[in-house]
């Protein structure tokens, strides 16, 4: 993963997007004199639906695979 200043990003925006698209390269965007990290440019991927359950609600989440054959009610014990 490479870092890039906002000014360079503005100058080379199209070339950087092509690198992200073609090679999967990721960039961290830095801003200001202190080079504060403010954003990332990463290759686009289809969104995966995330669901929070119980104790994971505040600490994280997990993804269910498409071939998971249990209904929500069965999983939750309802």
Protein backbone atom coordinates (compact mmCIF):
# COMPACT_ATOMS: atom_id res chain seq x y z
CA UNK A 1 0.00 0.00 0.00
CA UNK A 2 1.37 3.36 -0.99
CA UNK A 3 0.67 6.80 0.46
CA UNK A 4 -0.05 9.81 -1.72
CA UNK A 5 -0.50 13.51 -1.00
CA UNK A 6 -3.72 15.22 -2.09
CA UNK A 7 -1.82 17.50 -4.50
CA UNK A 8 -0.22 14.56 -6.30
CA UNK A 9 -3.57 12.76 -6.37
CA UNK A 10 -5.20 15.76 -8.04
CA UNK A 11 -2.41 15.95 -10.61
CA UNK A 12 -2.28 12.22 -11.43
CA UNK A 13 -5.87 11.21 -10.67
CA UNK A 14 -6.62 9.35 -13.92
CA UNK A 15 -3.31 7.46 -13.88
CA UNK A 16 -3.80 6.46 -10.25
CA UNK A 17 -7.33 5.20 -10.93
CA UNK A 18 -5.98 3.11 -13.81
CA UNK A 19 -3.34 1.58 -11.51
CA UNK A 20 -5.99 0.75 -8.93
CA UNK A 21 -8.25 -0.79 -11.56
CA UNK A 22 -5.58 -2.70 -13.50
CA UNK A 23 -3.17 -3.88 -10.82
CA UNK A 24 -5.26 -3.74 -7.65
CA UNK A 25 -2.91 -1.22 -6.07
CA UNK A 26 -4.16 0.57 -2.94
CA UNK A 27 -3.41 4.15 -1.90
CA UNK A 28 -3.67 5.95 1.43
CA UNK A 29 -4.46 9.64 0.86
CA UNK A 30 -2.61 12.11 3.10
CA UNK A 31 -3.59 15.73 3.68
CA UNK A 32 -1.84 18.82 4.99
CA UNK A 33 1.62 19.58 6.35
CA UNK A 34 1.31 16.92 9.01
CA UNK A 35 0.38 14.40 6.32
CA UNK A 36 -2.74 13.26 8.15
CA UNK A 37 -4.14 10.06 6.68
CA UNK A 38 -7.72 10.84 5.64
CA UNK A 39 -8.91 8.22 3.12
CA UNK A 40 -8.03 5.24 0.96
CA UNK A 41 -8.50 4.38 -2.68
CA UNK A 42 -8.96 0.64 -3.12
CA UNK A 43 -10.20 -1.55 -5.98
CA UNK A 44 -13.99 -1.83 -6.14
CA UNK A 45 -15.56 -5.08 -4.99
CA UNK A 46 -19.21 -6.01 -4.80
CA UNK A 47 -20.55 -5.21 -1.36
CA UNK A 48 -21.04 -8.13 0.98
CA UNK A 49 -24.01 -7.81 3.30
CA UNK A 50 -22.88 -7.71 6.92
CA UNK A 51 -25.14 -8.54 9.82
CA UNK A 52 -24.47 -7.96 13.50
CA UNK A 53 -25.57 -10.49 16.10
CA UNK A 54 -25.63 -10.34 19.88
CA UNK A 55 -22.22 -9.69 21.39
CA UNK A 56 -20.78 -8.86 17.98
CA UNK A 57 -23.10 -5.89 17.62
CA UNK A 58 -20.55 -3.42 19.01
CA UNK A 59 -17.30 -5.31 18.54
CA UNK A 60 -17.48 -6.49 14.93
CA UNK A 61 -19.41 -8.60 12.48
CA UNK A 62 -19.19 -11.68 10.32
CA UNK A 63 -20.36 -12.65 6.86
CA UNK A 64 -22.59 -15.62 6.04
CA UNK A 65 -21.66 -17.61 2.95
CA UNK A 66 -24.20 -17.85 0.13
CA UNK A 67 -24.51 -21.62 0.65
CA UNK A 68 -25.52 -21.26 4.32
CA UNK A 69 -28.74 -23.28 4.58
CA UNK A 70 -30.13 -22.20 7.95
CA UNK A 71 -32.95 -19.68 8.24
CA UNK A 72 -32.52 -16.63 10.46
CA UNK A 73 -35.09 -18.04 12.88
CA UNK A 74 -33.24 -21.37 13.15
CA UNK A 75 -29.93 -19.58 13.64
CA UNK A 76 -31.35 -17.36 16.37
CA UNK A 77 -33.17 -20.24 18.04
CA UNK A 78 -36.63 -18.74 17.60
